[in-house]
């Protein structure tokens, strides 16, 4: 990653991985450096606390995964609508409008709200 040369960094990463290096060995070191240099806050801790409160306070079965987010490895799942309408973000030049939370939680922002 010297000189922020992405092409060279990718080449050397490939050499390591194709040479048999454990991907977790590389990932741990990258994560440690990134996290050590990243700005610090309790934002994620607070947001996850809101998620836990939402899950623990929920009555009855948890809401289902939206159909468009479900994997469809079989014909039956495709016929049931799994994966239909999913927008693959990397295929677009701009962020896409798409819901990722269950219907019952639409509009909830765990980074801003205390309850769902």
PDB file of N, CA and C in Angstrom:
ATOM      1  N   UNK A   1       0.828  -1.189   0.000  1.00  0.00           N
ATOM      2  CA  UNK A   1       0.000   0.000   0.000  1.00  0.00           C
ATOM      3  C   UNK A   1       0.870   1.250   0.000  1.00  0.00           C
ATOM      4  N   UNK A   2       2.147   1.037  -0.204  1.00  0.00           N
ATOM      5  CA  UNK A   2       3.051   2.179  -0.242  1.00  0.00           C
ATOM      6  C   UNK A   2       2.651   3.163  -1.319  1.00  0.00           C
ATOM      7  N   UNK A   3       2.727   4.426  -0.984  1.00  0.00           N
ATOM      8  CA  UNK A   3       2.428   5.467  -1.950  1.00  0.00           C
ATOM      9  C   UNK A   3       0.974   5.487  -2.392  1.00  0.00           C
ATOM     10  N   UNK A   4       0.110   4.790  -1.692  1.00  0.00           N
ATOM     11  CA  UNK A   4      -1.316   4.715  -2.037  1.00  0.00           C
ATOM     12  C   UNK A   4      -1.535   4.246  -3.469  1.00  0.00           C
ATOM     13  N   UNK A   5      -0.651   3.381  -3.967  1.00  0.00           N
ATOM     14  CA  UNK A   5      -0.785   2.833  -5.315  1.00  0.00           C
ATOM     15  C   UNK A   5      -1.694   1.609  -5.235  1.00  0.00           C
ATOM     16  N   UNK A   6      -2.968   1.794  -5.580  1.00  0.00           N
ATOM     17  CA  UNK A   6      -3.962   0.727  -5.433  1.00  0.00           C
ATOM     18  C   UNK A   6      -3.638  -0.483  -6.302  1.00  0.00           C
ATOM     19  N   UNK A   7      -3.147  -0.257  -7.516  1.00  0.00           N
ATOM     20  CA  UNK A   7      -2.834  -1.364  -8.410  1.00  0.00           C
ATOM     21  C   UNK A   7      -1.698  -2.215  -7.848  1.00  0.00           C
ATOM     22  N   UNK A   8      -0.655  -1.565  -7.364  1.00  0.00           N
ATOM     23  CA  UNK A   8       0.470  -2.296  -6.776  1.00  0.00           C
ATOM     24  C   UNK A   8       0.039  -3.006  -5.495  1.00  0.00           C
ATOM     25  N   UNK A   9      -0.767  -2.336  -4.685  1.00  0.00           N
ATOM     26  CA  UNK A   9      -1.234  -2.949  -3.438  1.00  0.00           C
ATOM     27  C   UNK A   9      -2.045  -4.207  -3.736  1.00  0.00           C
ATOM     28  N   UNK A  10      -2.888  -4.139  -4.756  1.00  0.00           N
ATOM     29  CA  UNK A  10      -3.690  -5.297  -5.138  1.00  0.00           C
ATOM     30  C   UNK A  10      -2.804  -6.430  -5.654  1.00  0.00           C
ATOM     31  N   UNK A  11      -1.759  -6.077  -6.409  1.00  0.00           N
ATOM     32  CA  UNK A  11      -0.820  -7.087  -6.904  1.00  0.00           C
ATOM     33  C   UNK A  11      -0.152  -7.817  -5.744  1.00  0.00           C
ATOM     34  N   UNK A  12       0.371  -7.058  -4.781  1.00  0.00           N
ATOM     35  CA  UNK A  12       1.065  -7.686  -3.656  1.00  0.00           C
ATOM     36  C   UNK A  12       0.097  -8.472  -2.776  1.00  0.00           C
ATOM     37  N   UNK A  13      -1.121  -8.007  -2.658  1.00  0.00           N
ATOM     38  CA  UNK A  13      -2.132  -8.778  -1.943  1.00  0.00           C
ATOM     39  C   UNK A  13      -2.363 -10.114  -2.655  1.00  0.00           C
ATOM     40  N   UNK A  14      -2.489 -10.062  -3.976  1.00  0.00           N
ATOM     41  CA  UNK A  14      -2.657 -11.283  -4.758  1.00  0.00           C
ATOM     42  C   UNK A  14      -1.488 -12.229  -4.583  1.00  0.00           C
ATOM     43  N   UNK A  15      -0.281 -11.693  -4.570  1.00  0.00           N
ATOM     44  CA  UNK A  15       0.902 -12.542  -4.366  1.00  0.00           C
ATOM     45  C   UNK A  15       0.835 -13.244  -3.023  1.00  0.00           C
ATOM     46  N   UNK A  16       0.415 -12.510  -2.002  1.00  0.00           N
ATOM     47  CA  UNK A  16       0.320 -13.115  -0.669  1.00  0.00           C
ATOM     48  C   UNK A  16      -0.742 -14.210  -0.643  1.00  0.00           C
ATOM     49  N   UNK A  17      -1.930 -13.879  -1.135  1.00  0.00           N
ATOM     50  CA  UNK A  17      -3.043 -14.828  -1.067  1.00  0.00           C
ATOM     51  C   UNK A  17      -2.815 -16.044  -1.965  1.00  0.00           C
ATOM     52  N   UNK A  18      -2.361 -15.808  -3.186  1.00  0.00           N
ATOM     53  CA  UNK A  18      -2.105 -16.922  -4.105  1.00  0.00           C
ATOM     54  C   UNK A  18      -0.909 -17.748  -3.648  1.00  0.00           C
ATOM     55  N   UNK A  19      -0.040 -17.146  -2.840  1.00  0.00           N
ATOM     56  CA  UNK A  19       1.103 -17.865  -2.290  1.00  0.00           C
ATOM     57  C   UNK A  19       0.746 -18.680  -1.061  1.00  0.00           C
ATOM     58  N   UNK A  20      -0.519 -18.613  -0.644  1.00  0.00           N
ATOM     59  CA  UNK A  20      -0.964 -19.442   0.467  1.00  0.00           C
ATOM     60  C   UNK A  20      -1.143 -18.720   1.788  1.00  0.00           C
ATOM     61  N   UNK A  21      -0.943 -17.413   1.800  1.00  0.00           N
ATOM     62  CA  UNK A  21      -1.128 -16.665   3.052  1.00  0.00           C
ATOM     63  C   UNK A  21      -2.592 -16.743   3.478  1.00  0.00           C
ATOM     64  N   UNK A  22      -2.814 -16.868   4.758  1.00  0.00           N
ATOM     65  CA  UNK A  22      -4.170 -16.915   5.308  1.00  0.00           C
ATOM     66  C   UNK A  22      -4.822 -15.545   5.133  1.00  0.00           C
ATOM     67  N   UNK A  23      -5.973 -15.462   4.439  1.00  0.00           N
ATOM     68  CA  UNK A  23      -6.635 -14.164   4.262  1.00  0.00           C
ATOM     69  C   UNK A  23      -6.934 -13.464   5.588  1.00  0.00           C
ATOM     70  N   UNK A  24      -7.196 -14.233   6.638  1.00  0.00           N
ATOM     71  CA  UNK A  24      -7.469 -13.611   7.938  1.00  0.00           C
ATOM     72  C   UNK A  24      -6.232 -12.922   8.504  1.00  0.00           C
ATOM     73  N   UNK A  25      -5.056 -13.445   8.198  1.00  0.00           N
ATOM     74  CA  UNK A  25      -3.802 -12.815   8.625  1.00  0.00           C
ATOM     75  C   UNK A  25      -3.730 -11.401   8.056  1.00  0.00           C
ATOM     76  N   UNK A  26      -4.045 -11.280   6.778  1.00  0.00           N
ATOM     77  CA  UNK A  26      -4.021  -9.977   6.111  1.00  0.00           C
ATOM     78  C   UNK A  26      -5.142  -9.091   6.646  1.00  0.00           C
ATOM     79  N   UNK A  27      -6.348  -9.623   6.713  1.00  0.00           N
ATOM     80  CA  UNK A  27      -7.515  -8.836   7.126  1.00  0.00           C
ATOM     81  C   UNK A  27      -7.357  -8.282   8.532  1.00  0.00           C
ATOM     82  N   UNK A  28      -6.849  -9.091   9.448  1.00  0.00           N
ATOM     83  CA  UNK A  28      -6.681  -8.617  10.831  1.00  0.00           C
ATOM     84  C   UNK A  28      -5.753  -7.412  10.886  1.00  0.00           C
ATOM     85  N   UNK A  29      -4.667  -7.471  10.155  1.00  0.00           N
ATOM     86  CA  UNK A  29      -3.709  -6.368  10.180  1.00  0.00           C
ATOM     87  C   UNK A  29      -4.280  -5.111   9.550  1.00  0.00           C
ATOM     88  N   UNK A  30      -5.000  -5.283   8.446  1.00  0.00           N
ATOM     89  CA  UNK A  30      -5.626  -4.122   7.812  1.00  0.00           C
ATOM     90  C   UNK A  30      -6.670  -3.496   8.732  1.00  0.00           C
ATOM     91  N   UNK A  31      -7.469  -4.333   9.375  1.00  0.00           N
ATOM     92  CA  UNK A  31      -8.500  -3.829  10.290  1.00  0.00           C
ATOM     93  C   UNK A  31      -7.884  -3.103  11.475  1.00  0.00           C
ATOM     94  N   UNK A  32      -6.841  -3.661  12.031  1.00  0.00           N
ATOM     95  CA  UNK A  32      -6.196  -3.045  13.191  1.00  0.00           C
ATOM     96  C   UNK A  32      -5.677  -1.658  12.836  1.00  0.00           C
ATOM     97  N   UNK A  33      -5.002  -1.545  11.706  1.00  0.00           N
ATOM     98  CA  UNK A  33      -4.450  -0.251  11.301  1.00  0.00           C
ATOM     99  C   UNK A  33      -5.572   0.736  11.000  1.00  0.00           C
ATOM    100  N   UNK A  34      -6.572   0.287  10.253  1.00  0.00           N
ATOM    101  CA  UNK A  34      -7.689   1.167   9.915  1.00  0.00           C
ATOM    102  C   UNK A  34      -8.385   1.672  11.172  1.00  0.00           C
ATOM    103  N   UNK A  35      -8.703   0.764  12.071  1.00  0.00           N
ATOM    104  CA  UNK A  35      -9.416   1.151  13.287  1.00  0.00           C
ATOM    105  C   UNK A  35      -8.574   2.030  14.196  1.00  0.00           C
ATOM    106  N   UNK A  36      -7.287   1.786  14.236  1.00  0.00           N
ATOM    107  CA  UNK A  36      -6.417   2.617  15.070  1.00  0.00           C
ATOM    108  C   UNK A  36      -6.381   4.057  14.570  1.00  0.00           C
ATOM    109  N   UNK A  37      -6.495   4.237  13.261  1.00  0.00           N
ATOM    110  CA  UNK A  37      -6.407   5.584  12.686  1.00  0.00           C
ATOM    111  C   UNK A  37      -7.769   6.251  12.498  1.00  0.00           C
ATOM    112  N   UNK A  38      -8.843   5.501  12.628  1.00  0.00           N
ATOM    113  CA  UNK A  38     -10.187   6.034  12.384  1.00  0.00           C
ATOM    114  C   UNK A  38     -10.627   6.965  13.511  1.00  0.00           C
ATOM    115  N   UNK A  39     -11.437   7.971  13.177  1.00  0.00           N
ATOM    116  CA  UNK A  39     -12.001   8.823  14.229  1.00  0.00           C
ATOM    117  C   UNK A  39     -12.829   7.967  15.190  1.00  0.00           C
ATOM    118  N   UNK A  40     -12.811   8.327  16.441  1.00  0.00           N
ATOM    119  CA  UNK A  40     -13.501   7.535  17.464  1.00  0.00           C
ATOM    120  C   UNK A  40     -14.817   8.192  17.873  1.00  0.00           C
ATOM    121  N   UNK A  41     -15.795   7.342  18.136  1.00  0.00           N
ATOM    122  CA  UNK A  41     -17.059   7.812  18.694  1.00  0.00           C
ATOM    123  C   UNK A  41     -17.773   6.608  19.294  1.00  0.00           C
ATOM    124  N   UNK A  42     -18.863   6.876  19.975  1.00  0.00           N
ATOM    125  CA  UNK A  42     -19.682   5.801  20.538  1.00  0.00           C
ATOM    126  C   UNK A  42     -20.943   5.598  19.691  1.00  0.00           C
ATOM    127  N   UNK A  43     -20.938   6.144  18.493  1.00  0.00           N
ATOM    128  CA  UNK A  43     -22.114   6.102  17.631  1.00  0.00           C
ATOM    129  C   UNK A  43     -22.576   4.671  17.349  1.00  0.00           C
ATOM    130  N   UNK A  44     -21.671   3.786  16.962  1.00  0.00           N
ATOM    131  CA  UNK A  44     -22.062   2.411  16.649  1.00  0.00           C
ATOM    132  C   UNK A  44     -22.510   1.689  17.910  1.00  0.00           C
ATOM    133  N   UNK A  45     -21.820   1.916  19.013  1.00  0.00           N
ATOM    134  CA  UNK A  45     -22.212   1.305  20.285  1.00  0.00           C
ATOM    135  C   UNK A  45     -23.646   1.708  20.638  1.00  0.00           C
ATOM    136  N   UNK A  46     -23.944   2.995  20.521  1.00  0.00           N
ATOM    137  CA  UNK A  46     -25.289   3.490  20.837  1.00  0.00           C
ATOM    138  C   UNK A  46     -26.334   2.928  19.876  1.00  0.00           C
ATOM    139  N   UNK A  47     -26.000   2.896  18.586  1.00  0.00           N
ATOM    140  CA  UNK A  47     -26.946   2.366  17.598  1.00  0.00           C
ATOM    141  C   UNK A  47     -27.209   0.887  17.851  1.00  0.00           C
ATOM    142  N   UNK A  48     -26.159   0.132  18.161  1.00  0.00           N
ATOM    143  CA  UNK A  48     -26.364  -1.293  18.416  1.00  0.00           C
ATOM    144  C   UNK A  48     -27.164  -1.500  19.701  1.00  0.00           C
ATOM    145  N   UNK A  49     -26.991  -0.633  20.667  1.00  0.00           N
ATOM    146  CA  UNK A  49     -27.814  -0.700  21.879  1.00  0.00           C
ATOM    147  C   UNK A  49     -29.284  -0.517  21.521  1.00  0.00           C
ATOM    148  N   UNK A  50     -29.567   0.367  20.574  1.00  0.00           N
ATOM    149  CA  UNK A  50     -30.944   0.568  20.114  1.00  0.00           C
ATOM    150  C   UNK A  50     -31.479  -0.676  19.404  1.00  0.00           C
ATOM    151  N   UNK A  51     -30.628  -1.331  18.618  1.00  0.00           N
ATOM    152  CA  UNK A  51     -31.032  -2.574  17.947  1.00  0.00           C
ATOM    153  C   UNK A  51     -31.365  -3.639  18.985  1.00  0.00           C
ATOM    154  N   UNK A  52     -30.488  -3.802  19.980  1.00  0.00           N
ATOM    155  CA  UNK A  52     -30.732  -4.807  21.022  1.00  0.00           C
ATOM    156  C   UNK A  52     -32.041  -4.533  21.751  1.00  0.00           C
ATOM    157  N   UNK A  53     -32.286  -3.271  22.085  1.00  0.00           N
ATOM    158  CA  UNK A  53     -33.528  -2.920  22.779  1.00  0.00           C
ATOM    159  C   UNK A  53     -34.737  -3.251  21.905  1.00  0.00           C
ATOM    160  N   UNK A  54     -34.620  -2.988  20.615  1.00  0.00           N
ATOM    161  CA  UNK A  54     -35.708  -3.291  19.680  1.00  0.00           C
ATOM    162  C   UNK A  54     -35.977  -4.794  19.643  1.00  0.00           C
ATOM    163  N   UNK A  55     -34.927  -5.585  19.526  1.00  0.00           N
ATOM    164  CA  UNK A  55     -35.086  -7.038  19.442  1.00  0.00           C
ATOM    165  C   UNK A  55     -35.599  -7.633  20.745  1.00  0.00           C
ATOM    166  N   UNK A  56     -35.070  -7.173  21.850  1.00  0.00           N
ATOM    167  CA  UNK A  56     -35.471  -7.724  23.151  1.00  0.00           C
ATOM    168  C   UNK A  56     -36.890  -7.323  23.535  1.00  0.00           C
ATOM    169  N   UNK A  57     -37.327  -6.167  23.066  1.00  0.00           N
ATOM    170  CA  UNK A  57     -38.667  -5.700  23.397  1.00  0.00           C
ATOM    171  C   UNK A  57     -39.735  -6.163  22.422  1.00  0.00           C
ATOM    172  N   UNK A  58     -39.326  -6.829  21.364  1.00  0.00           N
ATOM    173  CA  UNK A  58     -40.280  -7.268  20.337  1.00  0.00           C
ATOM    174  C   UNK A  58     -41.140  -8.415  20.855  1.00  0.00           C
ATOM    175  N   UNK A  59     -42.426  -8.336  20.586  1.00  0.00           N
ATOM    176  CA  UNK A  59     -43.365  -9.396  20.961  1.00  0.00           C
ATOM    177  C   UNK A  59     -43.698 -10.220  19.722  1.00  0.00           C
ATOM    178  N   UNK A  60     -43.714 -11.527  19.866  1.00  0.00           N
ATOM    179  CA  UNK A  60     -44.073 -12.405  18.754  1.00  0.00           C
ATOM    180  C   UNK A  60     -42.899 -12.689  17.840  1.00  0.00           C
ATOM    181  N   UNK A  61     -43.192 -13.309  16.693  1.00  0.00           N
ATOM    182  CA  UNK A  61     -42.115 -13.645  15.761  1.00  0.00           C
ATOM    183  C   UNK A  61     -41.467 -12.385  15.194  1.00  0.00           C
ATOM    184  N   UNK A  62     -40.186 -12.471  14.933  1.00  0.00           N
ATOM    185  CA  UNK A  62     -39.483 -11.339  14.330  1.00  0.00           C
ATOM    186  C   UNK A  62     -39.954 -11.149  12.894  1.00  0.00           C
ATOM    187  N   UNK A  63     -39.931  -9.914  12.396  1.00  0.00           N
ATOM    188  CA  UNK A  63     -40.379  -9.656  11.025  1.00  0.00           C
ATOM    189  C   UNK A  63     -39.528 -10.438  10.016  1.00  0.00           C
ATOM    190  N   UNK A  64     -40.140 -10.879   8.922  1.00  0.00           N
ATOM    191  CA  UNK A  64     -39.394 -11.645   7.922  1.00  0.00           C
ATOM    192  C   UNK A  64     -38.437 -10.767   7.109  1.00  0.00           C
ATOM    193  N   UNK A  65     -37.430 -11.411   6.546  1.00  0.00           N
ATOM    194  CA  UNK A  65     -36.515 -10.733   5.624  1.00  0.00           C
ATOM    195  C   UNK A  65     -37.318 -10.366   4.375  1.00  0.00           C
ATOM    196  N   UNK A  66     -37.219  -9.115   3.902  1.00  0.00           N
ATOM    197  CA  UNK A  66     -37.952  -8.742   2.691  1.00  0.00           C
ATOM    198  C   UNK A  66     -37.603  -9.677   1.523  1.00  0.00           C
ATOM    199  N   UNK A  67     -38.602  -9.998   0.711  1.00  0.00           N
ATOM    200  CA  UNK A  67     -38.403 -10.949  -0.391  1.00  0.00           C
ATOM    201  C   UNK A  67     -37.269 -10.546  -1.324  1.00  0.00           C
ATOM    202  N   UNK A  68     -37.169  -9.250  -1.637  1.00  0.00           N
ATOM    203  CA  UNK A  68     -36.146  -8.838  -2.602  1.00  0.00           C
ATOM    204  C   UNK A  68     -34.726  -9.021  -2.064  1.00  0.00           C
ATOM    205  N   UNK A  69     -34.563  -9.167  -0.748  1.00  0.00           N
ATOM    206  CA  UNK A  69     -33.238  -9.376  -0.166  1.00  0.00           C
ATOM    207  C   UNK A  69     -32.881 -10.849  -0.008  1.00  0.00           C
ATOM    208  N   UNK A  70     -33.834 -11.721  -0.242  1.00  0.00           N
ATOM    209  CA  UNK A  70     -33.591 -13.154  -0.042  1.00  0.00           C
ATOM    210  C   UNK A  70     -32.861 -13.771  -1.232  1.00  0.00           C
ATOM    211  N   UNK A  71     -31.929 -14.650  -0.921  1.00  0.00           N
ATOM    212  CA  UNK A  71     -31.215 -15.401  -1.938  1.00  0.00           C
ATOM    213  C   UNK A  71     -32.178 -16.390  -2.592  1.00  0.00           C
ATOM    214  N   UNK A  72     -32.018 -16.602  -3.891  1.00  0.00           N
ATOM    215  CA  UNK A  72     -32.914 -17.514  -4.611  1.00  0.00           C
ATOM    216  C   UNK A  72     -32.112 -18.584  -5.350  1.00  0.00           C
ATOM    217  N   UNK A  73     -31.530 -19.532  -4.618  1.00  0.00           N
ATOM    218  CA  UNK A  73     -30.719 -20.556  -5.288  1.00  0.00           C
ATOM    219  C   UNK A  73     -31.536 -21.647  -5.978  1.00  0.00           C
ATOM    220  N   UNK A  74     -32.827 -21.718  -5.715  1.00  0.00           N
ATOM    221  CA  UNK A  74     -33.646 -22.769  -6.337  1.00  0.00           C
ATOM    222  C   UNK A  74     -34.761 -22.146  -7.176  1.00  0.00           C
ATOM    223  N   UNK A  75     -35.289 -22.938  -8.075  1.00  0.00           N
ATOM    224  CA  UNK A  75     -36.399 -22.494  -8.926  1.00  0.00           C
ATOM    225  C   UNK A  75     -37.617 -22.136  -8.072  1.00  0.00           C
ATOM    226  N   UNK A  76     -37.904 -22.945  -7.050  1.00  0.00           N
ATOM    227  CA  UNK A  76     -39.039 -22.684  -6.172  1.00  0.00           C
ATOM    228  C   UNK A  76     -38.901 -21.313  -5.515  1.00  0.00           C
ATOM    229  N   UNK A  77     -37.728 -21.007  -5.014  1.00  0.00           N
ATOM    230  CA  UNK A  77     -37.516 -19.713  -4.355  1.00  0.00           C
ATOM    231  C   UNK A  77     -37.694 -18.565  -5.342  1.00  0.00           C
ATOM    232  N   UNK A  78     -37.217 -18.745  -6.562  1.00  0.00           N
ATOM    233  CA  UNK A  78     -37.423 -17.721  -7.593  1.00  0.00           C
ATOM    234  C   UNK A  78     -38.910 -17.552  -7.880  1.00  0.00           C
ATOM    235  N   UNK A  79     -39.617 -18.676  -7.975  1.00  0.00           N
ATOM    236  CA  UNK A  79     -41.065 -18.632  -8.229  1.00  0.00           C
ATOM    237  C   UNK A  79     -41.822 -17.960  -7.082  1.00  0.00           C
ATOM    238  N   UNK A  80     -41.293 -18.059  -5.871  1.00  0.00           N
ATOM    239  CA  UNK A  80     -41.918 -17.425  -4.705  1.00  0.00           C
ATOM    240  C   UNK A  80     -41.580 -15.931  -4.602  1.00  0.00           C
ATOM    241  N   UNK A  81     -40.738 -15.443  -5.515  1.00  0.00           N
ATOM    242  CA  UNK A  81     -40.419 -14.021  -5.536  1.00  0.00           C
ATOM    243  C   UNK A  81     -39.134 -13.640  -4.833  1.00  0.00           C
ATOM    244  N   UNK A  82     -38.388 -14.616  -4.359  1.00  0.00           N
ATOM    245  CA  UNK A  82     -37.128 -14.306  -3.687  1.00  0.00           C
ATOM    246  C   UNK A  82     -36.196 -13.579  -4.668  1.00  0.00           C
ATOM    247  N   UNK A  83     -35.609 -12.508  -4.214  1.00  0.00           N
ATOM    248  CA  UNK A  83     -34.635 -11.770  -5.008  1.00  0.00           C
ATOM    249  C   UNK A  83     -35.215 -10.864  -6.076  1.00  0.00           C
ATOM    250  N   UNK A  84     -36.510 -10.933  -6.340  1.00  0.00           N
ATOM    251  CA  UNK A  84     -37.103 -10.121  -7.407  1.00  0.00           C
ATOM    252  C   UNK A  84     -37.120  -8.649  -7.017  1.00  0.00           C
ATOM    253  N   UNK A  85     -36.666  -7.818  -7.940  1.00  0.00           N
ATOM    254  CA  UNK A  85     -36.649  -6.382  -7.705  1.00  0.00           C
ATOM    255  C   UNK A  85     -35.430  -5.886  -6.955  1.00  0.00           C
ATOM    256  N   UNK A  86     -34.507  -6.783  -6.623  1.00  0.00           N
ATOM    257  CA  UNK A  86     -33.299  -6.364  -5.904  1.00  0.00           C
ATOM    258  C   UNK A  86     -32.419  -5.523  -6.815  1.00  0.00           C
ATOM    259  N   UNK A  87     -31.921  -4.434  -6.282  1.00  0.00           N
ATOM    260  CA  UNK A  87     -31.027  -3.558  -7.036  1.00  0.00           C
ATOM    261  C   UNK A  87     -29.612  -3.756  -6.497  1.00  0.00           C
ATOM    262  N   UNK A  88     -28.727  -4.274  -7.334  1.00  0.00           N
ATOM    263  CA  UNK A  88     -27.341  -4.545  -6.968  1.00  0.00           C
ATOM    264  C   UNK A  88     -26.569  -3.232  -7.032  1.00  0.00           C
ATOM    265  N   UNK A  89     -26.256  -2.669  -5.876  1.00  0.00           N
ATOM    266  CA  UNK A  89     -25.652  -1.342  -5.803  1.00  0.00           C
ATOM    267  C   UNK A  89     -24.442  -1.129  -6.709  1.00  0.00           C
ATOM    268  N   UNK A  90     -23.480  -2.067  -6.781  1.00  0.00           N
ATOM    269  CA  UNK A  90     -22.322  -1.814  -7.646  1.00  0.00           C
ATOM    270  C   UNK A  90     -22.664  -1.643  -9.126  1.00  0.00           C
ATOM    271  N   UNK A  91     -23.857  -2.042  -9.541  1.00  0.00           N
ATOM    272  CA  UNK A  91     -24.257  -1.889 -10.942  1.00  0.00           C
ATOM    273  C   UNK A  91     -24.740  -0.470 -11.249  1.00  0.00           C
ATOM    274  N   UNK A  92     -24.837   0.375 -10.246  1.00  0.00           N
ATOM    275  CA  UNK A  92     -25.328   1.743 -10.413  1.00  0.00           C
ATOM    276  C   UNK A  92     -24.225   2.735 -10.064  1.00  0.00           C
ATOM    277  N   UNK A  93     -24.239   3.873 -10.744  1.00  0.00           N
ATOM    278  CA  UNK A  93     -23.226   4.892 -10.462  1.00  0.00           C
ATOM    279  C   UNK A  93     -23.576   5.727  -9.231  1.00  0.00           C
ATOM    280  N   UNK A  94     -24.823   5.706  -8.840  1.00  0.00           N
ATOM    281  CA  UNK A  94     -25.291   6.458  -7.671  1.00  0.00           C
ATOM    282  C   UNK A  94     -25.939   5.486  -6.683  1.00  0.00           C
ATOM    283  N   UNK A  95     -26.068   5.895  -5.413  1.00  0.00           N
ATOM    284  CA  UNK A  95     -26.794   5.032  -4.463  1.00  0.00           C
ATOM    285  C   UNK A  95     -28.218   4.778  -4.960  1.00  0.00           C
ATOM    286  N   UNK A  96     -28.730   3.592  -4.676  1.00  0.00           N
ATOM    287  CA  UNK A  96     -30.073   3.234  -5.145  1.00  0.00           C
ATOM    288  C   UNK A  96     -31.085   3.363  -4.020  1.00  0.00           C
ATOM    289  N   UNK A  97     -32.319   3.649  -4.407  1.00  0.00           N
ATOM    290  CA  UNK A  97     -33.429   3.663  -3.459  1.00  0.00           C
ATOM    291  C   UNK A  97     -33.864   2.224  -3.258  1.00  0.00           C
ATOM    292  N   UNK A  98     -33.711   1.729  -2.050  1.00  0.00           N
ATOM    293  CA  UNK A  98     -34.070   0.349  -1.772  1.00  0.00           C
ATOM    294  C   UNK A  98     -34.228   0.186  -0.267  1.00  0.00           C
ATOM    295  N   UNK A  99     -35.230  -0.547   0.135  1.00  0.00           N
ATOM    296  CA  UNK A  99     -35.442  -0.817   1.559  1.00  0.00           C
ATOM    297  C   UNK A  99     -34.647  -2.048   1.974  1.00  0.00           C
ATOM    298  N   UNK A 100     -33.976  -1.950   3.113  1.00  0.00           N
ATOM    299  CA  UNK A 100     -33.184  -3.069   3.610  1.00  0.00           C
ATOM    300  C   UNK A 100     -33.717  -3.619   4.924  1.00  0.00           C
ATOM    301  N   UNK A 101     -34.587  -2.884   5.569  1.00  0.00           N
ATOM    302  CA  UNK A 101     -35.197  -3.356   6.811  1.00  0.00           C
ATOM    303  C   UNK A 101     -36.538  -4.019   6.507  1.00  0.00           C
ATOM    304  N   UNK A 102     -37.018  -4.866   7.412  1.00  0.00           N
ATOM    305  CA  UNK A 102     -38.361  -5.443   7.234  1.00  0.00           C
ATOM    306  C   UNK A 102     -39.418  -4.334   7.172  1.00  0.00           C
ATOM    307  N   UNK A 103     -40.546  -4.647   6.555  1.00  0.00           N
ATOM    308  CA  UNK A 103     -41.653  -3.691   6.391  1.00  0.00           C
ATOM    309  C   UNK A 103     -42.001  -2.995   7.704  1.00  0.00           C
ATOM    310  N   UNK A 104     -42.059  -3.759   8.790  1.00  0.00           N
ATOM    311  CA  UNK A 104     -42.451  -3.216  10.094  1.00  0.00           C
ATOM    312  C   UNK A 104     -41.455  -2.192  10.641  1.00  0.00           C
ATOM    313  N   UNK A 105     -40.244  -2.187  10.102  1.00  0.00           N
ATOM    314  CA  UNK A 105     -39.206  -1.280  10.604  1.00  0.00           C
ATOM    315  C   UNK A 105     -38.841  -0.189   9.605  1.00  0.00           C
ATOM    316  N   UNK A 106     -39.599  -0.073   8.532  1.00  0.00           N
ATOM    317  CA  UNK A 106     -39.279   0.947   7.528  1.00  0.00           C
ATOM    318  C   UNK A 106     -39.253   2.321   8.173  1.00  0.00           C
ATOM    319  N   UNK A 107     -38.227   3.065   7.835  1.00  0.00           N
ATOM    320  CA  UNK A 107     -38.082   4.411   8.366  1.00  0.00           C
ATOM    321  C   UNK A 107     -37.336   4.480   9.681  1.00  0.00           C
ATOM    322  N   UNK A 108     -37.077   3.339  10.309  1.00  0.00           N
ATOM    323  CA  UNK A 108     -36.343   3.339  11.576  1.00  0.00           C
ATOM    324  C   UNK A 108     -34.869   3.580  11.283  1.00  0.00           C
ATOM    325  N   UNK A 109     -34.267   4.483  12.019  1.00  0.00           N
ATOM    326  CA  UNK A 109     -32.832   4.749  11.932  1.00  0.00           C
ATOM    327  C   UNK A 109     -32.260   4.516  13.319  1.00  0.00           C
ATOM    328  N   UNK A 110     -31.604   3.390  13.513  1.00  0.00           N
ATOM    329  CA  UNK A 110     -31.098   3.030  14.835  1.00  0.00           C
ATOM    330  C   UNK A 110     -30.014   3.982  15.324  1.00  0.00           C
ATOM    331  N   UNK A 111     -29.443   4.773  14.426  1.00  0.00           N
ATOM    332  CA  UNK A 111     -28.440   5.752  14.830  1.00  0.00           C
ATOM    333  C   UNK A 111     -29.088   6.995  15.434  1.00  0.00           C
ATOM    334  N   UNK A 112     -30.391   7.181  15.197  1.00  0.00           N
ATOM    335  CA  UNK A 112     -31.079   8.372  15.698  1.00  0.00           C
ATOM    336  C   UNK A 112     -32.160   8.061  16.715  1.00  0.00           C
ATOM    337  N   UNK A 113     -32.778   6.878  16.631  1.00  0.00           N
ATOM    338  CA  UNK A 113     -33.929   6.562  17.471  1.00  0.00           C
ATOM    339  C   UNK A 113     -33.573   5.614  18.602  1.00  0.00           C
ATOM    340  N   UNK A 114     -34.226   5.787  19.698  1.00  0.00           N
ATOM    341  CA  UNK A 114     -34.007   4.903  20.838  1.00  0.00           C
ATOM    342  C   UNK A 114     -34.887   3.659  20.759  1.00  0.00           C
ATOM    343  N   UNK A 115     -36.034   3.783  20.128  1.00  0.00           N
ATOM    344  CA  UNK A 115     -36.964   2.648  20.052  1.00  0.00           C
ATOM    345  C   UNK A 115     -37.366   2.403  18.605  1.00  0.00           C
ATOM    346  N   UNK A 116     -37.783   1.170  18.350  1.00  0.00           N
ATOM    347  CA  UNK A 116     -38.259   0.869  16.992  1.00  0.00           C
ATOM    348  C   UNK A 116     -39.761   0.656  17.015  1.00  0.00           C
TER     349      UNK A 116
END
